Amino acid sequence: MKVIVDMNRCQDHGQCVFAAPEVFQINAAGRLEFVGDPDDALRDEVEEAADVCPLQAITIED
């Protein structure tokens, strides 16, 4: 699984952090950071994060 975040669309709302904290974090500067190739065991959480993103900036590729 590959996680892609369109950083041009992302406005750092952080909803993804609540859905998948093992994959998405907000850094000290208030910007989103993420794991681009998380373990497949986290798929449900990552899919939820993509669903709750208000700007639909997260996509998942296999």
Protein backbone atom coordinates (compact mmCIF):
# COMPACT_ATOMS: atom_id res chain seq x y z
CA MET A 1 0.00 0.00 0.00
CA LYS A 2 1.23 3.47 -0.89
CA VAL A 3 -0.20 6.61 0.68
CA ILE A 4 -0.14 9.81 -1.36
CA VAL A 5 -1.11 13.19 0.03
CA ASP A 6 -1.58 16.10 -2.35
CA MET A 7 0.19 18.71 -0.25
CA ASN A 8 -1.16 21.44 -2.54
CA ARG A 9 -4.68 20.49 -1.43
CA CYS A 10 -3.90 19.60 2.20
CA GLN A 11 -4.63 22.40 4.64
CA ASP A 12 -3.41 20.54 7.74
CA HIS A 13 -6.84 20.10 9.31
CA GLY A 14 -5.55 16.91 10.97
CA GLN A 15 -8.63 14.72 10.64
CA CYS A 16 -6.39 12.00 9.21
CA VAL A 17 -4.29 12.09 12.39
CA PHE A 18 -7.30 11.08 14.46
CA ALA A 19 -8.20 8.27 12.05
CA ALA A 20 -4.69 6.85 11.58
CA PRO A 21 -2.19 8.28 14.08
CA GLU A 22 0.37 5.59 13.21
CA VAL A 23 0.53 6.99 9.66
CA PHE A 24 -0.30 10.71 9.91
CA GLN A 25 1.12 13.30 12.31
CA ILE A 26 1.17 17.07 12.61
CA ASN A 27 4.74 18.27 13.19
CA ALA A 28 5.93 21.07 15.47
CA ALA A 29 5.52 23.56 12.62
CA GLY A 30 1.85 22.57 12.26
CA ARG A 31 2.38 20.76 8.96
CA LEU A 32 1.25 17.25 8.05
CA GLU A 33 3.80 14.46 7.93
CA PHE A 34 2.96 10.90 6.92
CA VAL A 35 4.36 7.44 6.30
CA GLY A 36 4.25 6.84 2.56
CA ASP A 37 4.38 3.05 2.76
CA PRO A 38 2.61 1.93 5.93
CA ASP A 39 2.04 -1.69 6.86
CA ASP A 40 -0.97 -3.24 5.13
CA ALA A 41 -2.40 -4.04 8.59
CA LEU A 42 -3.22 -0.32 8.83
CA ARG A 43 -5.30 -0.27 5.64
CA ASP A 44 -8.66 0.22 7.40
CA GLU A 45 -7.32 3.19 9.35
CA VAL A 46 -5.72 4.75 6.25
CA GLU A 47 -8.93 4.31 4.25
CA GLU A 48 -10.84 6.01 7.07
CA ALA A 49 -8.31 8.86 7.05
CA ALA A 50 -8.79 9.30 3.30
CA ASP A 51 -12.56 9.31 3.78
CA VAL A 52 -12.56 11.94 6.53
CA CYS A 53 -10.14 14.31 4.80
CA PRO A 54 -12.24 17.45 4.19
CA LEU A 55 -10.30 18.26 1.01
CA GLN A 56 -9.96 14.66 -0.21
CA ALA A 57 -6.18 15.15 -0.45
CA ILE A 58 -5.31 11.52 0.45
CA THR A 59 -5.18 8.69 -2.07
CA ILE A 60 -4.14 5.08 -1.64
CA GLU A 61 -2.44 2.93 -4.26
CA ASP A 62 -1.74 -0.79 -4.10
